[in-house]
Amino acid sequence: IDVLELDRQNALSIYGWFTFLVFIIPLPAGIISDAFFKQKQGILYGGIIALLGYTLLITEQIQMVGFALIFIAVGTGLIKPNLSSSFSAMGTSKINSSCTCKIILLLSVLFSNAS
């Protein structure tokens, strides 16, 4: 808050909008991803977009932080529905035997908790 020179009310407003976007974007992002991408491509593109957002957080300009939060919300929105449907289609025996899926799951949890 001090670095961006925001008062408490504006900071809480930005946080509220970011939280709203993280929870609402997976619905349209899942629909768009199903229409244009395969599941793995949606997860990959979501990860890249979220990574770009986390990279933009390095800046100390409020405009760039706003763009960064939007990128993180969109990236998370692409990851969540595709990852959920991927795991439900696989079944539990394949999830337990696949290290790659566990790594993807852990990364998605990391992105979700960071946002």
C-alpha atoms as a PDB file:
ATOM      1  CA  ILE A   1       0.000   0.000   0.000  1.00  0.00           C
ATOM      2  CA  ASP A   2       2.816   2.406   0.867  1.00  0.00           C
ATOM      3  CA  VAL A   3       4.821   1.706  -2.293  1.00  0.00           C
ATOM      4  CA  LEU A   4       1.793   2.303  -4.538  1.00  0.00           C
ATOM      5  CA  GLU A   5       0.665   5.257  -2.415  1.00  0.00           C
ATOM      6  CA  LEU A   6      -2.855   3.882  -1.982  1.00  0.00           C
ATOM      7  CA  ASP A   7      -5.100   4.594   0.938  1.00  0.00           C
ATOM      8  CA  ARG A   8      -6.792   1.676   2.683  1.00  0.00           C
ATOM      9  CA  GLN A   9     -10.162   2.154   0.956  1.00  0.00           C
ATOM     10  CA  ASN A  10      -8.690   2.104  -2.566  1.00  0.00           C
ATOM     11  CA  ALA A  11      -6.491  -0.891  -1.759  1.00  0.00           C
ATOM     12  CA  LEU A  12      -9.480  -2.837  -0.426  1.00  0.00           C
ATOM     13  CA  SER A  13     -11.496  -1.873  -3.503  1.00  0.00           C
ATOM     14  CA  ILE A  14      -8.781  -3.202  -5.833  1.00  0.00           C
ATOM     15  CA  TYR A  15      -8.530  -6.380  -3.767  1.00  0.00           C
ATOM     16  CA  GLY A  16     -12.303  -6.860  -3.892  1.00  0.00           C
ATOM     17  CA  TRP A  17     -12.436  -6.463  -7.669  1.00  0.00           C
ATOM     18  CA  PHE A  18      -9.489  -8.822  -8.098  1.00  0.00           C
ATOM     19  CA  THR A  19     -11.143 -11.472  -5.919  1.00  0.00           C
ATOM     20  CA  PHE A  20     -14.398 -11.055  -7.838  1.00  0.00           C
ATOM     21  CA  LEU A  21     -12.593 -11.514 -11.164  1.00  0.00           C
ATOM     22  CA  VAL A  22     -10.732 -14.622  -9.974  1.00  0.00           C
ATOM     23  CA  PHE A  23     -14.037 -16.282  -9.084  1.00  0.00           C
ATOM     24  CA  ILE A  24     -16.146 -15.082 -12.043  1.00  0.00           C
ATOM     25  CA  ILE A  25     -13.692 -15.397 -14.976  1.00  0.00           C
ATOM     26  CA  PRO A  26     -13.435 -19.235 -14.946  1.00  0.00           C
ATOM     27  CA  LEU A  27     -16.973 -19.517 -16.348  1.00  0.00           C
ATOM     28  CA  PRO A  28     -16.465 -17.491 -19.553  1.00  0.00           C
ATOM     29  CA  ALA A  29     -12.814 -18.559 -19.793  1.00  0.00           C
ATOM     30  CA  GLY A  30     -13.837 -22.220 -19.655  1.00  0.00           C
ATOM     31  CA  ILE A  31     -16.422 -21.696 -22.395  1.00  0.00           C
ATOM     32  CA  ILE A  32     -13.948 -19.810 -24.593  1.00  0.00           C
ATOM     33  CA  SER A  33     -11.221 -22.356 -23.919  1.00  0.00           C
ATOM     34  CA  ASP A  34     -13.519 -25.249 -24.865  1.00  0.00           C
ATOM     35  CA  ALA A  35     -14.437 -23.478 -28.100  1.00  0.00           C
ATOM     36  CA  PHE A  36     -10.907 -22.581 -29.226  1.00  0.00           C
ATOM     37  CA  PHE A  37      -8.367 -24.716 -27.342  1.00  0.00           C
ATOM     38  CA  LYS A  38      -7.852 -28.242 -26.158  1.00  0.00           C
ATOM     39  CA  GLN A  39      -7.713 -28.781 -22.397  1.00  0.00           C
ATOM     40  CA  LYS A  40      -3.923 -28.964 -22.188  1.00  0.00           C
ATOM     41  CA  GLN A  41      -3.541 -25.888 -24.378  1.00  0.00           C
ATOM     42  CA  GLY A  42      -5.932 -23.965 -22.119  1.00  0.00           C
ATOM     43  CA  ILE A  43      -3.866 -24.908 -19.075  1.00  0.00           C
ATOM     44  CA  LEU A  44      -0.637 -23.936 -20.852  1.00  0.00           C
ATOM     45  CA  TYR A  45      -1.971 -20.592 -22.088  1.00  0.00           C
ATOM     46  CA  GLY A  46      -3.494 -19.878 -18.685  1.00  0.00           C
ATOM     47  CA  GLY A  47      -0.166 -20.561 -17.011  1.00  0.00           C
ATOM     48  CA  ILE A  48       1.667 -18.294 -19.441  1.00  0.00           C
ATOM     49  CA  ILE A  49      -0.856 -15.473 -18.973  1.00  0.00           C
ATOM     50  CA  ALA A  50      -0.706 -15.834 -15.169  1.00  0.00           C
ATOM     51  CA  LEU A  51       3.109 -15.886 -15.297  1.00  0.00           C
ATOM     52  CA  LEU A  52       3.047 -12.664 -17.320  1.00  0.00           C
ATOM     53  CA  GLY A  53       0.792 -11.144 -14.664  1.00  0.00           C
ATOM     54  CA  TYR A  54       3.099 -12.189 -11.835  1.00  0.00           C
ATOM     55  CA  THR A  55       6.038 -10.745 -13.776  1.00  0.00           C
ATOM     56  CA  LEU A  56       4.212  -7.418 -14.196  1.00  0.00           C
ATOM     57  CA  LEU A  57       3.732  -7.219 -10.412  1.00  0.00           C
ATOM     58  CA  ILE A  58       7.422  -6.315 -10.132  1.00  0.00           C
ATOM     59  CA  THR A  59       6.684  -2.790 -11.277  1.00  0.00           C
ATOM     60  CA  GLU A  60       5.695  -0.152  -8.778  1.00  0.00           C
ATOM     61  CA  GLN A  61       3.257   1.687 -11.039  1.00  0.00           C
ATOM     62  CA  ILE A  62      -0.423   1.353 -10.156  1.00  0.00           C
ATOM     63  CA  GLN A  63      -1.444   1.016 -13.826  1.00  0.00           C
ATOM     64  CA  MET A  64       0.908  -1.933 -14.361  1.00  0.00           C
ATOM     65  CA  VAL A  65      -0.265  -3.564 -11.138  1.00  0.00           C
ATOM     66  CA  GLY A  66      -3.840  -3.271 -12.414  1.00  0.00           C
ATOM     67  CA  PHE A  67      -2.895  -4.990 -15.678  1.00  0.00           C
ATOM     68  CA  ALA A  68      -0.942  -7.610 -13.729  1.00  0.00           C
ATOM     69  CA  LEU A  69      -3.962  -8.469 -11.572  1.00  0.00           C
ATOM     70  CA  ILE A  70      -6.161  -8.759 -14.671  1.00  0.00           C
ATOM     71  CA  PHE A  71      -3.626 -11.095 -16.325  1.00  0.00           C
ATOM     72  CA  ILE A  72      -3.453 -13.215 -13.162  1.00  0.00           C
ATOM     73  CA  ALA A  73      -7.255 -13.419 -12.967  1.00  0.00           C
ATOM     74  CA  VAL A  74      -7.555 -14.397 -16.646  1.00  0.00           C
ATOM     75  CA  GLY A  75      -4.718 -16.941 -16.401  1.00  0.00           C
ATOM     76  CA  THR A  76      -6.245 -18.491 -13.304  1.00  0.00           C
ATOM     77  CA  GLY A  77      -9.605 -18.466 -15.065  1.00  0.00           C
ATOM     78  CA  LEU A  78      -8.161 -20.541 -17.899  1.00  0.00           C
ATOM     79  CA  ILE A  79      -6.352 -22.957 -15.597  1.00  0.00           C
ATOM     80  CA  LYS A  80      -9.145 -23.790 -13.141  1.00  0.00           C
ATOM     81  CA  PRO A  81     -11.900 -25.168 -15.421  1.00  0.00           C
ATOM     82  CA  ASN A  82      -9.501 -27.027 -17.716  1.00  0.00           C
ATOM     83  CA  LEU A  83      -7.574 -28.622 -14.893  1.00  0.00           C
ATOM     84  CA  SER A  84     -10.747 -29.691 -13.096  1.00  0.00           C
ATOM     85  CA  SER A  85     -12.203 -31.317 -16.193  1.00  0.00           C
ATOM     86  CA  SER A  86      -8.869 -32.972 -17.007  1.00  0.00           C
ATOM     87  CA  PHE A  87      -8.691 -34.613 -13.595  1.00  0.00           C
ATOM     88  CA  SER A  88     -12.299 -35.715 -13.597  1.00  0.00           C
ATOM     89  CA  ALA A  89     -11.826 -37.349 -17.008  1.00  0.00           C
ATOM     90  CA  MET A  90      -8.695 -39.210 -15.930  1.00  0.00           C
ATOM     91  CA  GLY A  91      -9.894 -41.143 -12.916  1.00  0.00           C
ATOM     92  CA  THR A  92      -8.075 -41.593  -9.620  1.00  0.00           C
ATOM     93  CA  SER A  93      -5.745 -44.445 -10.646  1.00  0.00           C
ATOM     94  CA  LYS A  94      -4.120 -42.371 -13.371  1.00  0.00           C
ATOM     95  CA  ILE A  95      -3.808 -39.327 -11.131  1.00  0.00           C
ATOM     96  CA  ASN A  96      -1.882 -41.324  -8.527  1.00  0.00           C
ATOM     97  CA  SER A  97       0.529 -42.715 -11.099  1.00  0.00           C
ATOM     98  CA  SER A  98       1.198 -39.525 -13.010  1.00  0.00           C
ATOM     99  CA  CYS A  99       3.867 -37.180 -11.681  1.00  0.00           C
ATOM    100  CA  THR A 100       3.135 -34.604 -14.373  1.00  0.00           C
ATOM    101  CA  CYS A 101      -0.482 -34.231 -13.266  1.00  0.00           C
ATOM    102  CA  LYS A 102       0.589 -33.797  -9.658  1.00  0.00           C
ATOM    103  CA  ILE A 103       2.998 -31.039 -10.637  1.00  0.00           C
ATOM    104  CA  ILE A 104       0.286 -29.262 -12.652  1.00  0.00           C
ATOM    105  CA  LEU A 105      -2.107 -29.578  -9.718  1.00  0.00           C
ATOM    106  CA  LEU A 106       0.429 -28.140  -7.292  1.00  0.00           C
ATOM    107  CA  LEU A 107       1.158 -25.235  -9.637  1.00  0.00           C
ATOM    108  CA  SER A 108      -2.532 -24.453 -10.032  1.00  0.00           C
ATOM    109  CA  VAL A 109      -2.984 -24.473  -6.262  1.00  0.00           C
ATOM    110  CA  LEU A 110      -0.001 -22.151  -5.964  1.00  0.00           C
ATOM    111  CA  PHE A 111      -1.520 -19.748  -8.525  1.00  0.00           C
ATOM    112  CA  SER A 112      -4.922 -19.931  -6.852  1.00  0.00           C
ATOM    113  CA  ASN A 113      -3.554 -19.245  -3.373  1.00  0.00           C
ATOM    114  CA  ALA A 114      -1.313 -16.442  -4.606  1.00  0.00           C
ATOM    115  CA  SER A 115      -4.275 -14.692  -6.143  1.00  0.00           C
END
